[in-house]
Amino acid sequence: MYRQGDVLIMAVEESEVPAPFLEAPGELRDSRGRLVLALGEVTGHAHAVQGPGRLIRESGTFGPMLLHLPEGGRVVHEEHAVIALPKGWFRVVRQREYVPGAFRVVAD
């Protein structure tokens, strides 16, 4: 399990990934060629992955995002240490916070 700021990354066995997502197209990369896990609305800083792979957004009980890194990768951010990830599948979760009457994704 890995954590960088408000982003939690958990390894997932390929057998646990729902079949439709195994071959699903991934999100587009940003202008720097990265897979952006979370973008800071105020700072413009990003939790992003460098290296080959796919980021798949989905909803439901499995989680909001799946990350597939066939060769491993590096999670980078302008204010945090780099995290090296091994090859495999990962579930990516954004931290949430309670506000009266609702939950929302933490914004930085």
N, C-alpha and C. Protein backbone atom coordinates (compact mmCIF):
# COMPACT_ATOMS: atom_id res chain seq x y z
N MET A 1 0.85 -1.17 0.00
CA MET A 1 0.00 0.00 0.00
C MET A 1 0.90 1.23 0.00
N TYR A 2 0.52 2.20 -0.77
CA TYR A 2 1.33 3.41 -0.93
C TYR A 2 0.42 4.63 -0.74
N ARG A 3 1.01 5.69 -0.21
CA ARG A 3 0.24 6.91 -0.04
C ARG A 3 1.13 8.10 -0.40
N GLN A 4 0.61 8.99 -1.21
CA GLN A 4 1.31 10.23 -1.52
C GLN A 4 0.29 11.35 -1.36
N GLY A 5 0.40 12.09 -0.27
CA GLY A 5 -0.57 13.15 0.01
C GLY A 5 -1.97 12.59 0.16
N ASP A 6 -2.90 13.09 -0.63
CA ASP A 6 -4.29 12.65 -0.54
C ASP A 6 -4.64 11.52 -1.49
N VAL A 7 -3.62 10.84 -2.01
CA VAL A 7 -3.84 9.73 -2.94
C VAL A 7 -3.33 8.43 -2.31
N LEU A 8 -4.20 7.42 -2.25
CA LEU A 8 -3.87 6.10 -1.73
C LEU A 8 -3.83 5.13 -2.90
N ILE A 9 -2.77 4.31 -2.96
CA ILE A 9 -2.58 3.36 -4.05
C ILE A 9 -2.40 1.98 -3.44
N MET A 10 -3.28 1.04 -3.83
CA MET A 10 -3.24 -0.31 -3.27
C MET A 10 -3.08 -1.34 -4.39
N ALA A 11 -2.18 -2.28 -4.19
CA ALA A 11 -1.99 -3.34 -5.18
C ALA A 11 -3.24 -4.22 -5.23
N VAL A 12 -3.57 -4.68 -6.44
CA VAL A 12 -4.74 -5.54 -6.67
C VAL A 12 -4.29 -6.71 -7.54
N GLU A 13 -4.68 -7.91 -7.17
CA GLU A 13 -4.39 -9.06 -8.01
C GLU A 13 -5.17 -8.95 -9.33
N GLU A 14 -4.55 -9.34 -10.43
CA GLU A 14 -5.22 -9.25 -11.72
C GLU A 14 -6.53 -10.03 -11.72
N SER A 15 -6.60 -11.11 -10.96
CA SER A 15 -7.83 -11.91 -10.91
C SER A 15 -8.98 -11.14 -10.24
N GLU A 16 -8.68 -10.07 -9.50
CA GLU A 16 -9.70 -9.26 -8.84
C GLU A 16 -10.21 -8.11 -9.72
N VAL A 17 -9.54 -7.88 -10.84
CA VAL A 17 -9.94 -6.79 -11.74
C VAL A 17 -11.12 -7.27 -12.57
N PRO A 18 -12.23 -6.53 -12.56
CA PRO A 18 -13.39 -6.92 -13.37
C PRO A 18 -13.01 -7.05 -14.84
N ALA A 19 -13.50 -8.10 -15.50
CA ALA A 19 -13.12 -8.41 -16.87
C ALA A 19 -13.23 -7.23 -17.84
N PRO A 20 -14.28 -6.43 -17.77
CA PRO A 20 -14.37 -5.32 -18.74
C PRO A 20 -13.21 -4.33 -18.65
N PHE A 21 -12.54 -4.28 -17.50
CA PHE A 21 -11.47 -3.30 -17.34
C PHE A 21 -10.09 -3.82 -17.77
N LEU A 22 -9.99 -5.14 -17.96
CA LEU A 22 -8.69 -5.70 -18.34
C LEU A 22 -8.21 -5.16 -19.68
N GLU A 23 -9.14 -4.92 -20.60
CA GLU A 23 -8.78 -4.42 -21.93
C GLU A 23 -9.36 -3.04 -22.20
N ALA A 24 -9.91 -2.39 -21.19
CA ALA A 24 -10.53 -1.07 -21.38
C ALA A 24 -9.49 -0.03 -21.78
N PRO A 25 -9.88 0.93 -22.61
CA PRO A 25 -8.94 2.00 -22.96
C PRO A 25 -8.66 2.86 -21.75
N GLY A 26 -7.49 3.41 -21.71
CA GLY A 26 -7.11 4.25 -20.57
C GLY A 26 -7.35 5.71 -20.82
N GLU A 27 -7.16 6.49 -19.75
CA GLU A 27 -7.27 7.94 -19.83
C GLU A 27 -6.15 8.50 -20.70
N LEU A 28 -6.37 9.64 -21.26
CA LEU A 28 -5.33 10.32 -22.01
C LEU A 28 -4.25 10.82 -21.06
N ARG A 29 -3.04 10.90 -21.53
CA ARG A 29 -1.93 11.44 -20.74
C ARG A 29 -1.93 12.97 -20.83
N ASP A 30 -1.30 13.61 -19.84
CA ASP A 30 -1.22 15.07 -19.88
C ASP A 30 -0.14 15.50 -20.87
N SER A 31 0.08 16.80 -20.99
CA SER A 31 1.03 17.33 -21.99
C SER A 31 2.47 16.90 -21.70
N ARG A 32 2.73 16.42 -20.46
CA ARG A 32 4.08 15.94 -20.11
C ARG A 32 4.19 14.43 -20.22
N GLY A 33 3.15 13.78 -20.77
CA GLY A 33 3.18 12.33 -20.97
C GLY A 33 2.89 11.52 -19.73
N ARG A 34 2.30 12.12 -18.71
CA ARG A 34 2.04 11.43 -17.44
C ARG A 34 0.57 11.02 -17.33
N LEU A 35 0.33 10.01 -16.50
CA LEU A 35 -1.03 9.63 -16.11
C LEU A 35 -1.35 10.39 -14.83
N VAL A 36 -2.29 11.30 -14.87
CA VAL A 36 -2.59 12.15 -13.73
C VAL A 36 -3.62 11.48 -12.82
N LEU A 37 -3.20 11.16 -11.59
CA LEU A 37 -4.09 10.54 -10.60
C LEU A 37 -4.94 11.59 -9.91
N ALA A 38 -4.36 12.76 -9.65
CA ALA A 38 -5.08 13.85 -8.98
C ALA A 38 -4.38 15.15 -9.33
N LEU A 39 -5.18 16.16 -9.62
CA LEU A 39 -4.64 17.48 -9.97
C LEU A 39 -5.08 18.49 -8.93
N GLY A 40 -4.14 19.21 -8.35
CA GLY A 40 -4.45 20.23 -7.36
C GLY A 40 -5.12 21.42 -8.00
N GLU A 41 -6.34 21.72 -7.54
CA GLU A 41 -7.10 22.81 -8.14
C GLU A 41 -6.48 24.17 -7.85
N VAL A 42 -5.85 24.31 -6.70
CA VAL A 42 -5.28 25.60 -6.31
C VAL A 42 -3.85 25.74 -6.81
N THR A 43 -3.03 24.70 -6.59
CA THR A 43 -1.60 24.78 -6.91
C THR A 43 -1.28 24.39 -8.34
N GLY A 44 -2.11 23.57 -8.96
CA GLY A 44 -1.80 23.04 -10.28
C GLY A 44 -0.83 21.88 -10.23
N HIS A 45 -0.38 21.51 -9.02
CA HIS A 45 0.49 20.35 -8.87
C HIS A 45 -0.30 19.08 -9.11
N ALA A 46 0.40 18.02 -9.52
CA ALA A 46 -0.30 16.77 -9.84
C ALA A 46 0.40 15.57 -9.22
N HIS A 47 -0.42 14.63 -8.73
CA HIS A 47 0.06 13.30 -8.40
C HIS A 47 -0.04 12.56 -9.73
N ALA A 48 1.08 12.13 -10.27
CA ALA A 48 1.07 11.56 -11.61
C ALA A 48 2.03 10.38 -11.70
N VAL A 49 1.77 9.51 -12.66
CA VAL A 49 2.59 8.32 -12.87
C VAL A 49 3.38 8.48 -14.16
N GLN A 50 4.66 8.20 -14.05
CA GLN A 50 5.52 8.18 -15.23
C GLN A 50 5.80 6.74 -15.58
N GLY A 51 5.80 6.43 -16.84
CA GLY A 51 6.09 5.07 -17.28
C GLY A 51 4.92 4.52 -18.07
N PRO A 52 5.13 3.40 -18.75
CA PRO A 52 4.06 2.80 -19.53
C PRO A 52 2.94 2.29 -18.64
N GLY A 53 1.72 2.38 -19.14
CA GLY A 53 0.59 1.87 -18.37
C GLY A 53 -0.69 2.55 -18.77
N ARG A 54 -1.76 2.21 -18.04
CA ARG A 54 -3.08 2.77 -18.30
C ARG A 54 -3.74 3.15 -16.99
N LEU A 55 -4.49 4.23 -17.01
CA LEU A 55 -5.33 4.65 -15.90
C LEU A 55 -6.77 4.57 -16.37
N ILE A 56 -7.58 3.79 -15.65
CA ILE A 56 -8.96 3.55 -16.06
C ILE A 56 -9.88 4.07 -14.97
N ARG A 57 -10.74 5.01 -15.32
CA ARG A 57 -11.70 5.55 -14.35
C ARG A 57 -12.97 4.73 -14.42
N GLU A 58 -13.47 4.35 -13.28
CA GLU A 58 -14.72 3.60 -13.21
C GLU A 58 -15.42 3.95 -11.92
N SER A 59 -16.70 3.64 -11.86
CA SER A 59 -17.46 3.91 -10.65
C SER A 59 -17.96 2.59 -10.09
N GLY A 60 -18.52 2.64 -8.92
CA GLY A 60 -19.06 1.44 -8.31
C GLY A 60 -18.28 1.04 -7.09
N THR A 61 -18.55 -0.17 -6.60
CA THR A 61 -17.96 -0.60 -5.34
C THR A 61 -16.48 -0.93 -5.45
N PHE A 62 -15.97 -1.21 -6.64
CA PHE A 62 -14.56 -1.57 -6.76
C PHE A 62 -13.66 -0.38 -6.53
N GLY A 63 -14.07 0.79 -6.90
CA GLY A 63 -13.24 1.97 -6.66
C GLY A 63 -13.30 2.94 -7.82
N PRO A 64 -12.78 4.12 -7.60
CA PRO A 64 -12.87 5.15 -8.62
C PRO A 64 -11.86 5.03 -9.76
N MET A 65 -10.67 4.42 -9.51
CA MET A 65 -9.68 4.34 -10.58
C MET A 65 -8.88 3.06 -10.47
N LEU A 66 -8.54 2.50 -11.62
CA LEU A 66 -7.63 1.35 -11.68
C LEU A 66 -6.41 1.78 -12.48
N LEU A 67 -5.25 1.36 -12.02
CA LEU A 67 -3.99 1.69 -12.68
C LEU A 67 -3.29 0.39 -13.04
N HIS A 68 -2.92 0.25 -14.30
CA HIS A 68 -2.19 -0.93 -14.74
C HIS A 68 -0.79 -0.50 -15.19
N LEU A 69 0.22 -1.07 -14.55
CA LEU A 69 1.60 -0.75 -14.88
C LEU A 69 2.30 -2.05 -15.28
N PRO A 70 2.39 -2.34 -16.58
CA PRO A 70 2.98 -3.61 -17.02
C PRO A 70 4.48 -3.72 -16.76
N GLU A 71 5.13 -2.58 -16.56
CA GLU A 71 6.59 -2.59 -16.31
C GLU A 71 6.94 -1.85 -15.02
N GLY A 72 5.97 -1.53 -14.21
CA GLY A 72 6.21 -0.70 -13.03
C GLY A 72 6.20 0.76 -13.42
N GLY A 73 6.32 1.65 -12.45
CA GLY A 73 6.30 3.07 -12.74
C GLY A 73 6.70 3.88 -11.52
N ARG A 74 6.65 5.20 -11.66
CA ARG A 74 7.02 6.11 -10.58
C ARG A 74 5.90 7.12 -10.38
N VAL A 75 5.47 7.30 -9.12
CA VAL A 75 4.46 8.32 -8.81
C VAL A 75 5.23 9.57 -8.40
N VAL A 76 4.97 10.66 -9.08
CA VAL A 76 5.68 11.91 -8.83
C VAL A 76 4.71 13.01 -8.42
N HIS A 77 5.23 13.99 -7.72
CA HIS A 77 4.48 15.18 -7.32
C HIS A 77 5.50 16.26 -6.99
N GLU A 78 5.15 17.49 -7.24
CA GLU A 78 6.07 18.59 -7.05
C GLU A 78 6.51 18.77 -5.59
N GLU A 79 5.72 18.32 -4.61
CA GLU A 79 6.04 18.54 -3.20
C GLU A 79 6.22 17.27 -2.39
N HIS A 80 6.20 16.12 -3.02
CA HIS A 80 6.33 14.85 -2.30
C HIS A 80 7.47 14.03 -2.90
N ALA A 81 7.97 13.09 -2.09
CA ALA A 81 8.99 12.17 -2.57
C ALA A 81 8.41 11.24 -3.64
N VAL A 82 9.27 10.81 -4.53
CA VAL A 82 8.87 9.87 -5.59
C VAL A 82 8.61 8.51 -4.96
N ILE A 83 7.58 7.82 -5.47
CA ILE A 83 7.27 6.46 -5.04
C ILE A 83 7.44 5.55 -6.24
N ALA A 84 8.28 4.53 -6.09
CA ALA A 84 8.45 3.54 -7.16
C ALA A 84 7.42 2.44 -6.96
N LEU A 85 6.69 2.13 -8.02
CA LEU A 85 5.68 1.07 -7.96
C LEU A 85 6.16 -0.12 -8.79
N PRO A 86 5.93 -1.33 -8.29
CA PRO A 86 6.27 -2.52 -9.09
C PRO A 86 5.24 -2.70 -10.20
N LYS A 87 5.51 -3.61 -11.11
CA LYS A 87 4.52 -3.86 -12.16
C LYS A 87 3.29 -4.51 -11.55
N GLY A 88 2.14 -4.27 -12.19
CA GLY A 88 0.91 -4.88 -11.71
C GLY A 88 -0.27 -3.94 -11.81
N TRP A 89 -1.36 -4.35 -11.13
CA TRP A 89 -2.60 -3.57 -11.09
C TRP A 89 -2.71 -2.90 -9.73
N PHE A 90 -3.31 -1.70 -9.71
CA PHE A 90 -3.48 -0.94 -8.47
C PHE A 90 -4.84 -0.26 -8.47
N ARG A 91 -5.39 -0.14 -7.28
CA ARG A 91 -6.60 0.65 -7.08
C ARG A 91 -6.14 1.99 -6.54
N VAL A 92 -6.64 3.07 -7.09
CA VAL A 92 -6.26 4.42 -6.68
C VAL A 92 -7.47 5.09 -6.06
N VAL A 93 -7.31 5.59 -4.83
CA VAL A 93 -8.41 6.21 -4.10
C VAL A 93 -8.00 7.61 -3.66
N ARG A 94 -8.84 8.57 -3.94
CA ARG A 94 -8.62 9.94 -3.44
C ARG A 94 -9.20 10.07 -2.04
N GLN A 95 -8.48 10.75 -1.16
CA GLN A 95 -8.96 10.97 0.20
C GLN A 95 -10.23 11.80 0.17
N ARG A 96 -11.16 11.44 1.05
CA ARG A 96 -12.42 12.18 1.15
C ARG A 96 -12.51 12.80 2.52
N GLU A 97 -13.32 13.82 2.63
CA GLU A 97 -13.54 14.46 3.92
C GLU A 97 -15.03 14.70 4.10
N TYR A 98 -15.43 14.74 5.37
CA TYR A 98 -16.83 15.00 5.68
C TYR A 98 -17.04 16.49 5.83
N VAL A 99 -18.07 16.96 5.20
CA VAL A 99 -18.55 18.32 5.43
C VAL A 99 -20.01 18.15 5.83
N PRO A 100 -20.57 19.01 6.63
CA PRO A 100 -21.94 18.80 7.11
C PRO A 100 -22.90 18.39 5.98
N GLY A 101 -23.39 17.15 6.12
CA GLY A 101 -24.38 16.64 5.19
C GLY A 101 -23.84 15.91 3.98
N ALA A 102 -22.50 15.83 3.83
CA ALA A 102 -21.97 15.18 2.63
C ALA A 102 -20.50 14.83 2.80
N PHE A 103 -19.99 14.03 1.87
CA PHE A 103 -18.57 13.75 1.76
C PHE A 103 -18.09 14.35 0.45
N ARG A 104 -16.82 14.77 0.43
CA ARG A 104 -16.27 15.30 -0.82
C ARG A 104 -14.79 14.92 -0.91
N VAL A 105 -14.26 14.94 -2.11
CA VAL A 105 -12.85 14.67 -2.33
C VAL A 105 -12.06 15.85 -1.79
N VAL A 106 -10.96 15.55 -1.08
CA VAL A 106 -10.12 16.60 -0.52
C VAL A 106 -9.49 17.40 -1.65
N ALA A 107 -9.54 18.70 -1.55
CA ALA A 107 -8.94 19.59 -2.54
C ALA A 107 -7.72 20.25 -1.94
N ASP A 108 -6.66 20.37 -2.75
CA ASP A 108 -5.49 21.11 -2.25
C ASP A 108 -5.23 22.33 -3.08
